[in-house]
C-alpha atoms as a PDB file:
ATOM      1  CA  MET A   1     161.030  86.367 -40.631  1.00  0.00           C
ATOM      2  CA  PHE A   2     159.086  83.649 -38.802  1.00  0.00           C
ATOM      3  CA  ASN A   3     158.191  82.066 -42.159  1.00  0.00           C
ATOM      4  CA  SER A   4     161.678  81.186 -42.899  1.00  0.00           C
ATOM      5  CA  TRP A   5     162.126  79.503 -39.579  1.00  0.00           C
ATOM      6  CA  LEU A   6     158.768  77.599 -39.678  1.00  0.00           C
ATOM      7  CA  PRO A   7     160.080  74.379 -41.278  1.00  0.00           C
ATOM      8  CA  PHE A   8     162.758  74.048 -38.717  1.00  0.00           C
ATOM      9  CA  ALA A   9     160.312  74.594 -35.921  1.00  0.00           C
ATOM     10  CA  ILE A  10     158.045  71.846 -37.295  1.00  0.00           C
ATOM     11  CA  TYR A  11     160.971  69.715 -37.621  1.00  0.00           C
ATOM     12  CA  GLY A  12     161.952  70.335 -34.031  1.00  0.00           C
ATOM     13  CA  VAL A  13     158.427  69.613 -32.742  1.00  0.00           C
ATOM     14  CA  PHE A  14     158.381  66.354 -34.492  1.00  0.00           C
ATOM     15  CA  ALA A  15     162.054  65.636 -33.425  1.00  0.00           C
ATOM     16  CA  LEU A  16     160.865  65.952 -29.744  1.00  0.00           C
ATOM     17  CA  ALA A  17     157.287  64.536 -30.011  1.00  0.00           C
ATOM     18  CA  ILE A  18     158.137  61.172 -31.714  1.00  0.00           C
ATOM     19  CA  PRO A  19     160.710  59.964 -29.151  1.00  0.00           C
ATOM     20  CA  ALA A  20     158.589  61.333 -26.250  1.00  0.00           C
ATOM     21  CA  THR A  21     155.502  59.514 -27.330  1.00  0.00           C
ATOM     22  CA  MET A  22     157.509  56.236 -27.832  1.00  0.00           C
ATOM     23  CA  ILE A  23     158.825  56.468 -24.343  1.00  0.00           C
ATOM     24  CA  ILE A  24     155.588  57.373 -22.804  1.00  0.00           C
ATOM     25  CA  GLY A  25     153.823  54.696 -24.834  1.00  0.00           C
ATOM     26  CA  SER A  26     156.322  51.885 -23.699  1.00  0.00           C
ATOM     27  CA  PHE A  27     155.649  52.820 -20.049  1.00  0.00           C
ATOM     28  CA  LYS A  28     152.048  52.961 -20.489  1.00  0.00           C
ATOM     29  CA  PHE A  29     151.514  49.807 -22.624  1.00  0.00           C
ATOM     30  CA  ALA A  30     154.126  47.687 -21.551  1.00  0.00           C
ATOM     31  CA  GLN A  31     153.046  44.379 -19.887  1.00  0.00           C
ATOM     32  CA  ARG A  32     155.338  43.584 -16.858  1.00  0.00           C
ATOM     33  CA  PRO A  33     155.468  40.222 -15.375  1.00  0.00           C
ATOM     34  CA  HIS A  34     153.784  40.118 -11.832  1.00  0.00           C
ATOM     35  CA  ARG A  35     156.709  38.013 -10.553  1.00  0.00           C
ATOM     36  CA  ARG A  36     160.285  38.143 -11.510  1.00  0.00           C
ATOM     37  CA  VAL A  37     161.382  35.111 -13.677  1.00  0.00           C
ATOM     38  CA  ARG A  38     165.125  34.366 -13.811  1.00  0.00           C
ATOM     39  CA  ALA A  39     164.840  33.451 -17.558  1.00  0.00           C
ATOM     40  CA  ARG A  40     163.375  36.826 -18.468  1.00  0.00           C
ATOM     41  CA  THR A  41     166.083  38.838 -16.671  1.00  0.00           C
ATOM     42  CA  ILE A  42     168.968  37.133 -18.553  1.00  0.00           C
ATOM     43  CA  PRO A  43     169.974  39.076 -21.666  1.00  0.00           C
ATOM     44  CA  PHE A  44     169.632  37.095 -24.804  1.00  0.00           C
ATOM     45  CA  GLU A  45     170.402  37.580 -28.512  1.00  0.00           C
ATOM     46  CA  SER A  46     168.405  36.170 -31.443  1.00  0.00           C
ATOM     47  CA  GLY A  47     166.388  34.035 -29.066  1.00  0.00           C
ATOM     48  CA  VAL A  48     169.460  32.282 -27.590  1.00  0.00           C
ATOM     49  CA  SER A  49     170.224  32.865 -23.898  1.00  0.00           C
ATOM     50  CA  GLN A  50     173.686  33.950 -23.289  1.00  0.00           C
ATOM     51  CA  GLY A  51     173.973  33.123 -19.747  1.00  0.00           C
ATOM     52  CA  PRO A  52     176.805  34.717 -17.587  1.00  0.00           C
ATOM     53  CA  PRO A  53     179.175  36.613 -19.841  1.00  0.00           C
ATOM     54  CA  GLU A  54     182.405  34.825 -20.803  1.00  0.00           C
ATOM     55  CA  ARG A  55     185.638  36.453 -21.656  1.00  0.00           C
ATOM     56  CA  GLN A  56     186.227  35.700 -25.184  1.00  0.00           C
ATOM     57  CA  ARG A  57     189.458  36.521 -27.073  1.00  0.00           C
ATOM     58  CA  PHE A  58     189.365  37.494 -30.714  1.00  0.00           C
ATOM     59  CA  THR A  59     192.248  36.784 -33.225  1.00  0.00           C
ATOM     60  CA  VAL A  60     193.920  39.748 -34.873  1.00  0.00           C
ATOM     61  CA  SER A  61     192.283  38.652 -38.282  1.00  0.00           C
ATOM     62  CA  PHE A  62     188.882  39.553 -36.786  1.00  0.00           C
ATOM     63  CA  TYR A  63     190.110  43.148 -36.022  1.00  0.00           C
ATOM     64  CA  LEU A  64     191.883  43.282 -39.424  1.00  0.00           C
ATOM     65  CA  THR A  65     188.738  42.355 -41.239  1.00  0.00           C
ATOM     66  CA  ALA A  66     186.586  44.939 -39.180  1.00  0.00           C
ATOM     67  CA  MET A  67     189.065  47.676 -40.002  1.00  0.00           C
ATOM     68  CA  LEU A  68     189.150  46.869 -43.795  1.00  0.00           C
ATOM     69  CA  PHE A  69     185.378  46.850 -43.768  1.00  0.00           C
ATOM     70  CA  ILE A  70     185.223  50.193 -42.094  1.00  0.00           C
ATOM     71  CA  LEU A  71     187.917  51.675 -44.277  1.00  0.00           C
ATOM     72  CA  PHE A  72     186.372  50.498 -47.725  1.00  0.00           C
ATOM     73  CA  ASP A  73     182.938  51.391 -46.306  1.00  0.00           C
ATOM     74  CA  ILE A  74     183.920  55.002 -45.689  1.00  0.00           C
ATOM     75  CA  GLU A  75     185.746  55.163 -49.113  1.00  0.00           C
ATOM     76  CA  ILE A  76     182.502  54.100 -50.860  1.00  0.00           C
ATOM     77  CA  VAL A  77     180.494  56.754 -49.101  1.00  0.00           C
ATOM     78  CA  PHE A  78     182.629  59.376 -50.817  1.00  0.00           C
ATOM     79  CA  LEU A  79     181.648  57.988 -54.205  1.00  0.00           C
ATOM     80  CA  TYR A  80     177.959  59.113 -53.849  1.00  0.00           C
ATOM     81  CA  PRO A  81     178.551  62.937 -53.825  1.00  0.00           C
ATOM     82  CA  LEU A  82     181.026  62.771 -56.530  1.00  0.00           C
ATOM     83  CA  ALA A  83     178.360  60.784 -58.639  1.00  0.00           C
ATOM     84  CA  VAL A  84     175.630  63.204 -57.804  1.00  0.00           C
ATOM     85  CA  ILE A  85     177.572  66.091 -59.487  1.00  0.00           C
ATOM     86  CA  LEU A  86     179.458  64.281 -61.922  1.00  0.00           C
ATOM     87  CA  HIS A  87     177.475  65.853 -64.873  1.00  0.00           C
ATOM     88  CA  LEU A  88     178.595  69.302 -63.579  1.00  0.00           C
ATOM     89  CA  LEU A  89     182.201  68.275 -63.490  1.00  0.00           C
ATOM     90  CA  SER A  90     182.249  66.936 -67.181  1.00  0.00           C
ATOM     91  CA  TRP A  91     185.485  65.114 -68.229  1.00  0.00           C
ATOM     92  CA  PHE A  92     187.520  66.461 -65.123  1.00  0.00           C
ATOM     93  CA  GLY A  93     185.181  64.740 -62.773  1.00  0.00           C
ATOM     94  CA  PHE A  94     185.008  61.601 -64.840  1.00  0.00           C
ATOM     95  CA  VAL A  95     188.858  61.401 -64.887  1.00  0.00           C
ATOM     96  CA  GLU A  96     188.914  62.066 -60.856  1.00  0.00           C
ATOM     97  CA  PHE A  97     186.171  59.500 -60.489  1.00  0.00           C
ATOM     98  CA  LEU A  98     188.102  56.914 -62.464  1.00  0.00           C
ATOM     99  CA  GLY A  99     191.317  57.718 -60.577  1.00  0.00           C
ATOM    100  CA  PHE A 100     189.551  57.330 -57.168  1.00  0.00           C
ATOM    101  CA  LEU A 101     188.134  53.923 -58.353  1.00  0.00           C
ATOM    102  CA  VAL A 102     191.652  52.794 -59.475  1.00  0.00           C
ATOM    103  CA  ILE A 103     193.204  53.738 -56.107  1.00  0.00           C
ATOM    104  CA  LEU A 104     190.389  51.624 -54.384  1.00  0.00           C
ATOM    105  CA  LEU A 105     190.827  48.756 -56.883  1.00  0.00           C
ATOM    106  CA  VAL A 106     194.634  48.680 -56.304  1.00  0.00           C
ATOM    107  CA  ALA A 107     194.160  48.813 -52.472  1.00  0.00           C
ATOM    108  CA  TYR A 108     191.643  45.698 -52.688  1.00  0.00           C
ATOM    109  CA  VAL A 109     193.909  43.861 -55.002  1.00  0.00           C
ATOM    110  CA  TYR A 110     196.764  44.377 -52.544  1.00  0.00           C
ATOM    111  CA  ILE A 111     194.902  43.338 -49.448  1.00  0.00           C
ATOM    112  CA  TRP A 112     193.576  40.424 -51.150  1.00  0.00           C
ATOM    113  CA  ARG A 113     196.948  39.102 -52.379  1.00  0.00           C
ATOM    114  CA  LYS A 114     198.258  39.545 -48.813  1.00  0.00           C
ATOM    115  CA  GLY A 115     195.662  37.328 -47.737  1.00  0.00           C
ATOM    116  CA  ALA A 116     194.004  39.750 -45.415  1.00  0.00           C
ATOM    117  CA  LEU A 117     190.444  38.704 -46.450  1.00  0.00           C
ATOM    118  CA  GLU A 118     191.008  35.120 -45.544  1.00  0.00           C
ATOM    119  CA  TRP A 119     189.508  33.927 -42.379  1.00  0.00           C
ATOM    120  CA  ARG A 120     191.675  31.580 -40.563  1.00  0.00           C
END
């Protein structure tokens, strides 16, 4: 009975050991400055100091583009499982696959014609 659970136990040990060694290693090998320098405490992104946070307003087109990206990204993820078992479904699966692609293409053309993909 234990043999059937052995792979899960090994996976669990690795799942706990890897993050634990990373955390312990970061405390053990981290080089901390002896004195606090203000430049090191300010958050930065891509090497550019951000300074104090500013309140920035985003346009509606930013959120629309983000939502469309998420929508199409999730829809494309559904193509992978269908592509994996397409040979088992034969012609029925192929027709369903084409139907799904046609729906995605129509939606893409619709938002393209509406101008939702243009950055203003």
